[in-house]
Amino acid sequence: MAPKKRAPTPGAALRAAWAAGPLAIPGAFNALTARLVERLGFRAVYLSGGALSAGSGLPDVGLLTVTEFADEAGRLTAATSLPLLCDADTGFGEALNVERTVHLLEAAGAAGIHLEDQLMPKRCGHLSGKSLVDPEVMAAKIRAAIAAKTDPDFVIIARTDARGVTGFDDAIRRAELYLSAGADAIFPEALETPDEFARFAKAVQAPLLANMTEFGKGPLIPLADLGAMGYAMALYPLTAFRAAMKAAEETLRLLKEHGHQRDAVPRMMTRADLYDLLGYTGYEQRDRAYFGG
């Protein structure tokens, strides 16, 4: 009898997804959103530190802890079979802290993480006021992350924020150093023009991750164009979150002004659609079966 095929690990699934063509990775701001991402046919999902912080009523300046990230990662991976890429900020400390970050996020079922080369307190990548660690410090964190993972396919992506601090050329230099330290892919944050995206891809021969966040310093480039430039992945970290918050604001304003929500009902997910996404019927059927009904 032929041996059973082993299911791919989350890390292997993420690598296969980006190898199959440019990979759109939407951010999921809760477990149900992650399930919706999968239902709509995306091949990976993302845990954004910016969305997790904002959902907690906090700015994205490194206030949340690694255990809060790991708890959320566990909720997302329980809700979907998609490989989950996690924002890991600066690794939540120095190289030894990075070891624990990898242990916790890998145990939560994540497929991989990205680490950034900022000093604490970190900033959103598209804001001013950032400072960078020495590139060798970041290289040490990458080596620690690689040493800590138990799945050889668990993905370590190195993000550099150098473009907005020390310039485009330093971003390329740092990317090459981080690759030599063992990073699987490079995330150049806050590139500002399509030409910069193309030049970076030409200079750095490795799997690349583009950040297509709204209201940032860079343009919103179509996924196919990014793929043609040489980018393997594109993040949409707060796209769903921003849309949901705007819809919530508009609906609550309507309710406050008119004393009812009737005009907003056509823009809401129906009870039937919500229950379908939740798998509500399955819960009811299993509950009856357990009681012999």
C-alpha atoms as a PDB file:
ATOM      1  CA  MET A   1       0.000   0.000   0.000  1.00  0.00           C
ATOM      2  CA  ALA A   2       1.343   3.398  -0.979  1.00  0.00           C
ATOM      3  CA  PRO A   3       2.177   5.684   1.946  1.00  0.00           C
ATOM      4  CA  LYS A   4      -0.285   8.469   2.652  1.00  0.00           C
ATOM      5  CA  LYS A   5       0.647  11.868   1.340  1.00  0.00           C
ATOM      6  CA  ARG A   6       1.419  14.340   4.085  1.00  0.00           C
ATOM      7  CA  ALA A   7      -0.611  17.526   3.997  1.00  0.00           C
ATOM      8  CA  PRO A   8       1.576  20.553   3.268  1.00  0.00           C
ATOM      9  CA  THR A   9       2.529  22.624   6.269  1.00  0.00           C
ATOM     10  CA  PRO A  10       1.230  26.206   6.372  1.00  0.00           C
ATOM     11  CA  GLY A  11       4.657  27.456   5.342  1.00  0.00           C
ATOM     12  CA  ALA A  12       4.798  25.092   2.378  1.00  0.00           C
ATOM     13  CA  ALA A  13       1.292  26.163   1.361  1.00  0.00           C
ATOM     14  CA  LEU A  14       2.289  29.835   1.416  1.00  0.00           C
ATOM     15  CA  ARG A  15       5.384  29.169  -0.678  1.00  0.00           C
ATOM     16  CA  ALA A  16       3.344  27.188  -3.205  1.00  0.00           C
ATOM     17  CA  ALA A  17       0.760  29.975  -3.386  1.00  0.00           C
ATOM     18  CA  TRP A  18       3.279  32.679  -4.267  1.00  0.00           C
ATOM     19  CA  ALA A  19       5.090  30.363  -6.680  1.00  0.00           C
ATOM     20  CA  ALA A  20       1.825  29.924  -8.615  1.00  0.00           C
ATOM     21  CA  GLY A  21       1.686  33.587  -9.600  1.00  0.00           C
ATOM     22  CA  PRO A  22       1.392  36.986  -7.973  1.00  0.00           C
ATOM     23  CA  LEU A  23      -0.372  36.402  -4.663  1.00  0.00           C
ATOM     24  CA  ALA A  24      -2.882  38.887  -3.226  1.00  0.00           C
ATOM     25  CA  ILE A  25      -2.920  38.640   0.581  1.00  0.00           C
ATOM     26  CA  PRO A  26      -5.823  40.564   2.151  1.00  0.00           C
ATOM     27  CA  GLY A  27      -5.743  41.483   5.817  1.00  0.00           C
ATOM     28  CA  ALA A  28      -8.410  39.901   8.020  1.00  0.00           C
ATOM     29  CA  PHE A  29      -9.407  41.945  11.057  1.00  0.00           C
ATOM     30  CA  ASN A  30     -11.225  39.038  12.707  1.00  0.00           C
ATOM     31  CA  ALA A  31     -11.805  35.321  12.222  1.00  0.00           C
ATOM     32  CA  LEU A  32     -15.018  35.719  10.238  1.00  0.00           C
ATOM     33  CA  THR A  33     -13.283  38.066   7.812  1.00  0.00           C
ATOM     34  CA  ALA A  34     -10.587  35.420   7.340  1.00  0.00           C
ATOM     35  CA  ARG A  35     -13.297  32.927   6.454  1.00  0.00           C
ATOM     36  CA  LEU A  36     -14.754  35.401   3.955  1.00  0.00           C
ATOM     37  CA  VAL A  37     -11.302  35.876   2.388  1.00  0.00           C
ATOM     38  CA  GLU A  38     -11.138  32.121   1.811  1.00  0.00           C
ATOM     39  CA  ARG A  39     -14.703  31.876   0.504  1.00  0.00           C
ATOM     40  CA  LEU A  40     -14.015  34.581  -2.091  1.00  0.00           C
ATOM     41  CA  GLY A  41     -11.147  32.588  -3.528  1.00  0.00           C
ATOM     42  CA  PHE A  42      -8.013  34.223  -2.175  1.00  0.00           C
ATOM     43  CA  ARG A  43      -5.077  31.896  -1.567  1.00  0.00           C
ATOM     44  CA  ALA A  44      -3.624  33.424   1.615  1.00  0.00           C
ATOM     45  CA  VAL A  45      -4.618  35.758   4.423  1.00  0.00           C
ATOM     46  CA  TYR A  46      -2.775  38.329   6.520  1.00  0.00           C
ATOM     47  CA  LEU A  47      -2.736  39.436  10.152  1.00  0.00           C
ATOM     48  CA  SER A  48      -1.918  43.143  10.147  1.00  0.00           C
ATOM     49  CA  GLY A  49      -0.434  44.740  13.240  1.00  0.00           C
ATOM     50  CA  GLY A  50      -2.022  48.005  12.171  1.00  0.00           C
ATOM     51  CA  ALA A  51      -5.484  46.461  12.020  1.00  0.00           C
ATOM     52  CA  LEU A  52      -5.012  44.526  15.255  1.00  0.00           C
ATOM     53  CA  SER A  53      -3.876  47.689  17.044  1.00  0.00           C
ATOM     54  CA  ALA A  54      -6.655  49.837  15.598  1.00  0.00           C
ATOM     55  CA  GLY A  55      -9.256  47.212  16.481  1.00  0.00           C
ATOM     56  CA  SER A  56      -7.991  47.458  20.059  1.00  0.00           C
ATOM     57  CA  GLY A  57      -8.375  51.257  19.966  1.00  0.00           C
ATOM     58  CA  LEU A  58      -4.617  51.834  19.778  1.00  0.00           C
ATOM     59  CA  PRO A  59      -2.241  53.357  17.219  1.00  0.00           C
ATOM     60  CA  ASP A  60       0.256  51.149  15.414  1.00  0.00           C
ATOM     61  CA  VAL A  61       3.306  52.104  17.502  1.00  0.00           C
ATOM     62  CA  GLY A  62       4.259  48.736  18.989  1.00  0.00           C
ATOM     63  CA  LEU A  63       1.955  48.794  22.020  1.00  0.00           C
ATOM     64  CA  LEU A  64       0.540  45.287  21.617  1.00  0.00           C
ATOM     65  CA  THR A  65       2.493  42.247  22.765  1.00  0.00           C
ATOM     66  CA  VAL A  66       3.536  39.074  21.017  1.00  0.00           C
ATOM     67  CA  THR A  67       0.978  37.054  22.983  1.00  0.00           C
ATOM     68  CA  GLU A  68      -1.827  39.291  21.690  1.00  0.00           C
ATOM     69  CA  PHE A  69      -0.599  38.687  18.135  1.00  0.00           C
ATOM     70  CA  ALA A  70      -0.339  34.930  18.746  1.00  0.00           C
ATOM     71  CA  ASP A  71      -3.832  34.782  20.257  1.00  0.00           C
ATOM     72  CA  GLU A  72      -5.292  36.513  17.199  1.00  0.00           C
ATOM     73  CA  ALA A  73      -3.271  34.333  14.843  1.00  0.00           C
ATOM     74  CA  GLY A  74      -4.740  31.263  16.517  1.00  0.00           C
ATOM     75  CA  ARG A  75      -8.269  32.571  15.997  1.00  0.00           C
ATOM     76  CA  LEU A  76      -7.603  33.248  12.311  1.00  0.00           C
ATOM     77  CA  THR A  77      -5.986  29.891  11.591  1.00  0.00           C
ATOM     78  CA  ALA A  78      -8.855  28.100  13.367  1.00  0.00           C
ATOM     79  CA  ALA A  79     -11.344  29.838  11.080  1.00  0.00           C
ATOM     80  CA  THR A  80      -9.689  29.157   7.725  1.00  0.00           C
ATOM     81  CA  SER A  81      -7.471  26.662   5.951  1.00  0.00           C
ATOM     82  CA  LEU A  82      -5.599  29.445   4.153  1.00  0.00           C
ATOM     83  CA  PRO A  83      -1.927  30.010   4.997  1.00  0.00           C
ATOM     84  CA  LEU A  84      -1.622  32.970   7.358  1.00  0.00           C
ATOM     85  CA  LEU A  85       1.171  35.528   7.036  1.00  0.00           C
ATOM     86  CA  CYS A  86       1.663  37.462  10.278  1.00  0.00           C
ATOM     87  CA  ASP A  87       3.011  40.916  10.901  1.00  0.00           C
ATOM     88  CA  ALA A  88       5.590  40.455  13.670  1.00  0.00           C
ATOM     89  CA  ASP A  89       6.633  44.112  13.978  1.00  0.00           C
ATOM     90  CA  THR A  90      10.251  44.295  15.155  1.00  0.00           C
ATOM     91  CA  GLY A  91      10.103  40.779  16.608  1.00  0.00           C
ATOM     92  CA  PHE A  92       8.971  42.273  19.953  1.00  0.00           C
ATOM     93  CA  GLY A  93      12.522  42.794  21.151  1.00  0.00           C
ATOM     94  CA  GLU A  94      16.025  41.645  20.370  1.00  0.00           C
ATOM     95  CA  ALA A  95      17.210  38.401  18.780  1.00  0.00           C
ATOM     96  CA  LEU A  96      16.249  36.215  21.734  1.00  0.00           C
ATOM     97  CA  ASN A  97      12.778  37.768  21.771  1.00  0.00           C
ATOM     98  CA  VAL A  98      12.499  36.932  18.083  1.00  0.00           C
ATOM     99  CA  GLU A  99      13.039  33.273  18.937  1.00  0.00           C
ATOM    100  CA  ARG A 100       9.980  33.331  21.199  1.00  0.00           C
ATOM    101  CA  THR A 101       7.969  35.274  18.622  1.00  0.00           C
ATOM    102  CA  VAL A 102       8.597  32.554  16.056  1.00  0.00           C
ATOM    103  CA  HIS A 103       7.786  29.793  18.564  1.00  0.00           C
ATOM    104  CA  LEU A 104       4.451  31.380  19.482  1.00  0.00           C
ATOM    105  CA  LEU A 105       3.304  32.310  15.972  1.00  0.00           C
ATOM    106  CA  GLU A 106       4.339  28.993  14.475  1.00  0.00           C
ATOM    107  CA  ALA A 107       2.503  27.187  17.299  1.00  0.00           C
ATOM    108  CA  ALA A 108      -0.566  29.327  16.512  1.00  0.00           C
ATOM    109  CA  GLY A 109      -0.589  27.870  13.009  1.00  0.00           C
ATOM    110  CA  ALA A 110       0.889  30.759  11.060  1.00  0.00           C
ATOM    111  CA  ALA A 111       2.649  30.097   7.771  1.00  0.00           C
ATOM    112  CA  GLY A 112       5.233  32.810   8.244  1.00  0.00           C
ATOM    113  CA  ILE A 113       6.059  36.260   9.562  1.00  0.00           C
ATOM    114  CA  HIS A 114       7.642  39.479   8.456  1.00  0.00           C
ATOM    115  CA  LEU A 115      10.124  41.323  10.653  1.00  0.00           C
ATOM    116  CA  GLU A 116      11.033  44.974  10.215  1.00  0.00           C
ATOM    117  CA  ASP A 117      14.268  46.862  10.797  1.00  0.00           C
ATOM    118  CA  GLN A 118      12.864  49.742  12.849  1.00  0.00           C
ATOM    119  CA  LEU A 119      13.903  50.843  16.307  1.00  0.00           C
ATOM    120  CA  MET A 120      11.266  50.891  19.019  1.00  0.00           C
ATOM    121  CA  PRO A 121       8.970  52.676  19.337  1.00  0.00           C
ATOM    122  CA  LYS A 122       8.107  51.610  15.796  1.00  0.00           C
ATOM    123  CA  ARG A 123       5.880  53.591  13.461  1.00  0.00           C
ATOM    124  CA  CYS A 124       3.503  52.771  10.655  1.00  0.00           C
ATOM    125  CA  GLY A 125       5.697  52.285   7.613  1.00  0.00           C
ATOM    126  CA  HIS A 126       4.103  55.195   5.746  1.00  0.00           C
ATOM    127  CA  LEU A 127       4.573  57.783   8.498  1.00  0.00           C
ATOM    128  CA  SER A 128       7.561  59.972   9.295  1.00  0.00           C
ATOM    129  CA  GLY A 129       9.583  59.762  12.498  1.00  0.00           C
ATOM    130  CA  LYS A 130      10.935  56.248  11.961  1.00  0.00           C
ATOM    131  CA  SER A 131      14.416  55.173  13.042  1.00  0.00           C
ATOM    132  CA  LEU A 132      16.293  52.083  11.905  1.00  0.00           C
ATOM    133  CA  VAL A 133      18.381  49.519  13.703  1.00  0.00           C
ATOM    134  CA  ASP A 134      21.865  48.813  12.475  1.00  0.00           C
ATOM    135  CA  PRO A 135      21.551  46.368   9.558  1.00  0.00           C
ATOM    136  CA  GLU A 136      23.658  43.781  11.412  1.00  0.00           C
ATOM    137  CA  VAL A 137      21.162  43.875  14.289  1.00  0.00           C
ATOM    138  CA  MET A 138      18.381  43.048  11.854  1.00  0.00           C
ATOM    139  CA  ALA A 139      20.497  40.295  10.300  1.00  0.00           C
ATOM    140  CA  ALA A 140      20.927  38.779  13.770  1.00  0.00           C
ATOM    141  CA  LYS A 141      17.146  38.794  14.236  1.00  0.00           C
ATOM    142  CA  ILE A 142      16.710  36.985  10.931  1.00  0.00           C
ATOM    143  CA  ARG A 143      19.238  34.342  11.953  1.00  0.00           C
ATOM    144  CA  ALA A 144      17.439  33.936  15.291  1.00  0.00           C
ATOM    145  CA  ALA A 145      14.082  33.531  13.533  1.00  0.00           C
ATOM    146  CA  ILE A 146      15.486  30.849  11.240  1.00  0.00           C
ATOM    147  CA  ALA A 147      17.081  28.984  14.137  1.00  0.00           C
ATOM    148  CA  ALA A 148      13.826  29.061  16.128  1.00  0.00           C
ATOM    149  CA  LYS A 149      11.440  27.641  13.534  1.00  0.00           C
ATOM    150  CA  THR A 150      10.588  23.942  13.662  1.00  0.00           C
ATOM    151  CA  ASP A 151       9.065  23.727  10.170  1.00  0.00           C
ATOM    152  CA  PRO A 152      11.803  24.332   7.587  1.00  0.00           C
ATOM    153  CA  ASP A 153       9.144  25.841   5.299  1.00  0.00           C
ATOM    154  CA  PHE A 154       7.977  28.438   7.860  1.00  0.00           C
ATOM    155  CA  VAL A 155       8.501  31.719   5.997  1.00  0.00           C
ATOM    156  CA  ILE A 156      10.727  34.539   7.259  1.00  0.00           C
ATOM    157  CA  ILE A 157      10.258  37.793   5.346  1.00  0.00           C
ATOM    158  CA  ALA A 158      12.557  40.737   6.053  1.00  0.00           C
ATOM    159  CA  ARG A 159      10.969  44.160   5.817  1.00  0.00           C
ATOM    160  CA  THR A 160      13.142  47.210   5.403  1.00  0.00           C
ATOM    161  CA  ASP A 161      11.869  50.711   6.134  1.00  0.00           C
ATOM    162  CA  ALA A 162      15.043  52.297   4.783  1.00  0.00           C
ATOM    163  CA  ARG A 163      13.396  54.021   1.786  1.00  0.00           C
ATOM    164  CA  GLY A 164      11.749  56.624   4.002  1.00  0.00           C
ATOM    165  CA  VAL A 165      14.720  57.064   6.355  1.00  0.00           C
ATOM    166  CA  THR A 166      18.097  56.524   4.671  1.00  0.00           C
ATOM    167  CA  GLY A 167      17.020  56.291   1.050  1.00  0.00           C
ATOM    168  CA  PHE A 168      16.323  53.913  -1.799  1.00  0.00           C
ATOM    169  CA  ASP A 169      19.900  52.707  -2.268  1.00  0.00           C
ATOM    170  CA  ASP A 170      20.219  51.784   1.394  1.00  0.00           C
ATOM    171  CA  ALA A 171      16.978  49.801   1.118  1.00  0.00           C
ATOM    172  CA  ILE A 172      18.632  47.719  -1.609  1.00  0.00           C
ATOM    173  CA  ARG A 173      21.830  47.271   0.422  1.00  0.00           C
ATOM    174  CA  ARG A 174      19.869  46.159   3.444  1.00  0.00           C
ATOM    175  CA  ALA A 175      17.757  43.768   1.370  1.00  0.00           C
ATOM    176  CA  GLU A 176      20.887  42.039   0.074  1.00  0.00           C
ATOM    177  CA  LEU A 177      22.282  41.716   3.609  1.00  0.00           C
ATOM    178  CA  TYR A 178      19.009  40.303   4.917  1.00  0.00           C
ATOM    179  CA  LEU A 179      18.925  37.752   2.114  1.00  0.00           C
ATOM    180  CA  SER A 180      22.476  36.704   2.934  1.00  0.00           C
ATOM    181  CA  ALA A 181      21.344  36.233   6.562  1.00  0.00           C
ATOM    182  CA  GLY A 182      18.753  33.726   5.283  1.00  0.00           C
ATOM    183  CA  ALA A 183      15.512  35.688   4.733  1.00  0.00           C
ATOM    184  CA  ASP A 184      13.119  33.934   2.366  1.00  0.00           C
ATOM    185  CA  ALA A 185      11.698  37.129   0.875  1.00  0.00           C
ATOM    186  CA  ILE A 186      12.040  40.906   1.072  1.00  0.00           C
ATOM    187  CA  PHE A 187       9.386  43.495   1.888  1.00  0.00           C
ATOM    188  CA  PRO A 188      10.483  47.000   0.801  1.00  0.00           C
ATOM    189  CA  GLU A 189       8.192  49.337   2.720  1.00  0.00           C
ATOM    190  CA  ALA A 190       6.969  52.733   1.507  1.00  0.00           C
ATOM    191  CA  LEU A 191       8.324  52.804  -2.026  1.00  0.00           C
ATOM    192  CA  GLU A 192       6.872  55.926  -3.588  1.00  0.00           C
ATOM    193  CA  THR A 193       6.460  55.461  -7.358  1.00  0.00           C
ATOM    194  CA  PRO A 194       5.856  52.660  -9.867  1.00  0.00           C
ATOM    195  CA  ASP A 195       9.386  53.278 -11.117  1.00  0.00           C
ATOM    196  CA  GLU A 196      10.777  52.635  -7.640  1.00  0.00           C
ATOM    197  CA  PHE A 197       8.852  49.374  -7.391  1.00  0.00           C
ATOM    198  CA  ALA A 198      10.237  48.290 -10.757  1.00  0.00           C
ATOM    199  CA  ARG A 199      13.825  49.373  -9.965  1.00  0.00           C
ATOM    200  CA  PHE A 200      13.786  47.574  -6.644  1.00  0.00           C
ATOM    201  CA  ALA A 201      12.558  44.354  -8.254  1.00  0.00           C
ATOM    202  CA  LYS A 202      15.272  44.594 -10.871  1.00  0.00           C
ATOM    203  CA  ALA A 203      17.980  45.156  -8.249  1.00  0.00           C
ATOM    204  CA  VAL A 204      16.898  42.522  -5.698  1.00  0.00           C
ATOM    205  CA  GLN A 205      16.547  39.054  -7.162  1.00  0.00           C
ATOM    206  CA  ALA A 206      14.387  37.325  -4.569  1.00  0.00           C
ATOM    207  CA  PRO A 207      10.709  36.785  -3.773  1.00  0.00           C
ATOM    208  CA  LEU A 208       9.358  40.269  -3.058  1.00  0.00           C
ATOM    209  CA  LEU A 209       6.344  41.499  -1.104  1.00  0.00           C
ATOM    210  CA  ALA A 210       4.655  44.790  -2.060  1.00  0.00           C
ATOM    211  CA  ASN A 211       2.450  46.714   0.361  1.00  0.00           C
ATOM    212  CA  MET A 212      -0.642  48.095  -1.368  1.00  0.00           C
ATOM    213  CA  THR A 213      -1.994  49.938   1.652  1.00  0.00           C
ATOM    214  CA  GLU A 214      -4.376  52.819   1.021  1.00  0.00           C
ATOM    215  CA  PHE A 215      -3.569  56.450   1.921  1.00  0.00           C
ATOM    216  CA  GLY A 216       0.152  55.696   2.048  1.00  0.00           C
ATOM    217  CA  LYS A 217       3.178  57.073   0.255  1.00  0.00           C
ATOM    218  CA  GLY A 218       3.023  54.669  -2.656  1.00  0.00           C
ATOM    219  CA  PRO A 219       0.656  54.114  -5.584  1.00  0.00           C
ATOM    220  CA  LEU A 220      -2.007  51.393  -5.679  1.00  0.00           C
ATOM    221  CA  ILE A 221      -0.573  49.231  -8.454  1.00  0.00           C
ATOM    222  CA  PRO A 222      -2.700  46.419  -9.952  1.00  0.00           C
ATOM    223  CA  LEU A 223      -1.632  42.934  -8.916  1.00  0.00           C
ATOM    224  CA  ALA A 224      -0.904  41.858 -12.502  1.00  0.00           C
ATOM    225  CA  ASP A 225       1.440  44.821 -12.960  1.00  0.00           C
ATOM    226  CA  LEU A 226       3.271  43.986  -9.742  1.00  0.00           C
ATOM    227  CA  GLY A 227       3.653  40.411 -10.942  1.00  0.00           C
ATOM    228  CA  ALA A 228       5.069  41.623 -14.238  1.00  0.00           C
ATOM    229  CA  MET A 229       7.623  43.703 -12.334  1.00  0.00           C
ATOM    230  CA  GLY A 230       8.699  40.625 -10.361  1.00  0.00           C
ATOM    231  CA  TYR A 231       6.729  40.822  -7.118  1.00  0.00           C
ATOM    232  CA  ALA A 232       5.569  37.470  -5.772  1.00  0.00           C
ATOM    233  CA  MET A 233       3.106  38.863  -3.205  1.00  0.00           C
ATOM    234  CA  ALA A 234       1.044  41.963  -2.469  1.00  0.00           C
ATOM    235  CA  LEU A 235      -0.444  42.898   0.888  1.00  0.00           C
ATOM    236  CA  TYR A 236      -3.799  44.639   1.335  1.00  0.00           C
ATOM    237  CA  PRO A 237      -3.461  44.993   5.101  1.00  0.00           C
ATOM    238  CA  LEU A 238      -6.310  47.336   6.068  1.00  0.00           C
ATOM    239  CA  THR A 239      -8.483  47.341   2.953  1.00  0.00           C
ATOM    240  CA  ALA A 240     -11.386  45.396   4.456  1.00  0.00           C
ATOM    241  CA  PHE A 241     -10.935  47.047   7.862  1.00  0.00           C
ATOM    242  CA  ARG A 242     -11.128  50.573   6.455  1.00  0.00           C
ATOM    243  CA  ALA A 243     -14.162  49.731   4.338  1.00  0.00           C
ATOM    244  CA  ALA A 244     -15.920  48.133   7.315  1.00  0.00           C
ATOM    245  CA  MET A 245     -15.184  51.087   9.601  1.00  0.00           C
ATOM    246  CA  LYS A 246     -16.479  53.568   7.031  1.00  0.00           C
ATOM    247  CA  ALA A 247     -19.659  51.531   6.559  1.00  0.00           C
ATOM    248  CA  ALA A 248     -20.114  51.335  10.337  1.00  0.00           C
ATOM    249  CA  GLU A 249     -19.658  55.096  10.660  1.00  0.00           C
ATOM    250  CA  GLU A 250     -22.189  55.846   7.937  1.00  0.00           C
ATOM    251  CA  THR A 251     -24.753  53.408   9.324  1.00  0.00           C
ATOM    252  CA  LEU A 252     -24.443  54.672  12.887  1.00  0.00           C
ATOM    253  CA  ARG A 253     -24.725  58.263  11.690  1.00  0.00           C
ATOM    254  CA  LEU A 254     -27.894  57.390   9.794  1.00  0.00           C
ATOM    255  CA  LEU A 255     -29.317  55.697  12.882  1.00  0.00           C
ATOM    256  CA  LYS A 256     -28.478  58.726  15.054  1.00  0.00           C
ATOM    257  CA  GLU A 257     -29.980  61.209  12.609  1.00  0.00           C
ATOM    258  CA  HIS A 258     -33.143  59.316  11.619  1.00  0.00           C
ATOM    259  CA  GLY A 259     -33.858  57.109  14.595  1.00  0.00           C
ATOM    260  CA  HIS A 260     -33.931  53.965  12.456  1.00  0.00           C
ATOM    261  CA  GLN A 261     -31.627  51.926  10.232  1.00  0.00           C
ATOM    262  CA  ARG A 262     -34.110  50.962   7.512  1.00  0.00           C
ATOM    263  CA  ASP A 263     -32.271  52.772   4.695  1.00  0.00           C
ATOM    264  CA  ALA A 264     -29.034  50.938   5.541  1.00  0.00           C
ATOM    265  CA  VAL A 265     -30.512  47.429   5.509  1.00  0.00           C
ATOM    266  CA  PRO A 266     -29.886  46.842   1.752  1.00  0.00           C
ATOM    267  CA  ARG A 267     -26.160  47.425   2.391  1.00  0.00           C
ATOM    268  CA  MET A 268     -25.986  44.893   5.242  1.00  0.00           C
ATOM    269  CA  MET A 269     -25.044  41.233   5.118  1.00  0.00           C
ATOM    270  CA  THR A 270     -28.306  39.350   5.573  1.00  0.00           C
ATOM    271  CA  ARG A 271     -28.961  37.044   8.493  1.00  0.00           C
ATOM    272  CA  ALA A 272     -29.040  34.112   6.054  1.00  0.00           C
ATOM    273  CA  ASP A 273     -25.678  35.028   4.528  1.00  0.00           C
ATOM    274  CA  LEU A 274     -24.132  35.561   7.953  1.00  0.00           C
ATOM    275  CA  TYR A 275     -25.384  32.215   9.216  1.00  0.00           C
ATOM    276  CA  ASP A 276     -24.115  30.554   6.060  1.00  0.00           C
ATOM    277  CA  LEU A 277     -20.640  32.026   6.562  1.00  0.00           C
ATOM    278  CA  LEU A 278     -20.706  30.950  10.202  1.00  0.00           C
ATOM    279  CA  GLY A 279     -21.813  27.422   9.311  1.00  0.00           C
ATOM    280  CA  TYR A 280     -24.718  27.856  11.697  1.00  0.00           C
ATOM    281  CA  THR A 281     -26.798  25.004  10.248  1.00  0.00           C
ATOM    282  CA  GLY A 282     -23.998  22.551  10.847  1.00  0.00           C
ATOM    283  CA  TYR A 283     -23.842  23.499  14.513  1.00  0.00           C
ATOM    284  CA  GLU A 284     -27.581  22.926  14.891  1.00  0.00           C
ATOM    285  CA  GLN A 285     -27.429  19.549  13.124  1.00  0.00           C
ATOM    286  CA  ARG A 286     -24.550  18.318  15.262  1.00  0.00           C
ATOM    287  CA  ASP A 287     -26.234  19.500  18.445  1.00  0.00           C
ATOM    288  CA  ARG A 288     -29.381  17.536  17.596  1.00  0.00           C
ATOM    289  CA  ALA A 289     -27.334  14.487  16.700  1.00  0.00           C
ATOM    290  CA  TYR A 290     -25.554  14.498  20.053  1.00  0.00           C
ATOM    291  CA  PHE A 291     -28.925  14.294  21.787  1.00  0.00           C
ATOM    292  CA  GLY A 292     -30.064  11.500  19.492  1.00  0.00           C
ATOM    293  CA  GLY A 293     -32.495  13.736  17.608  1.00  0.00           C
END
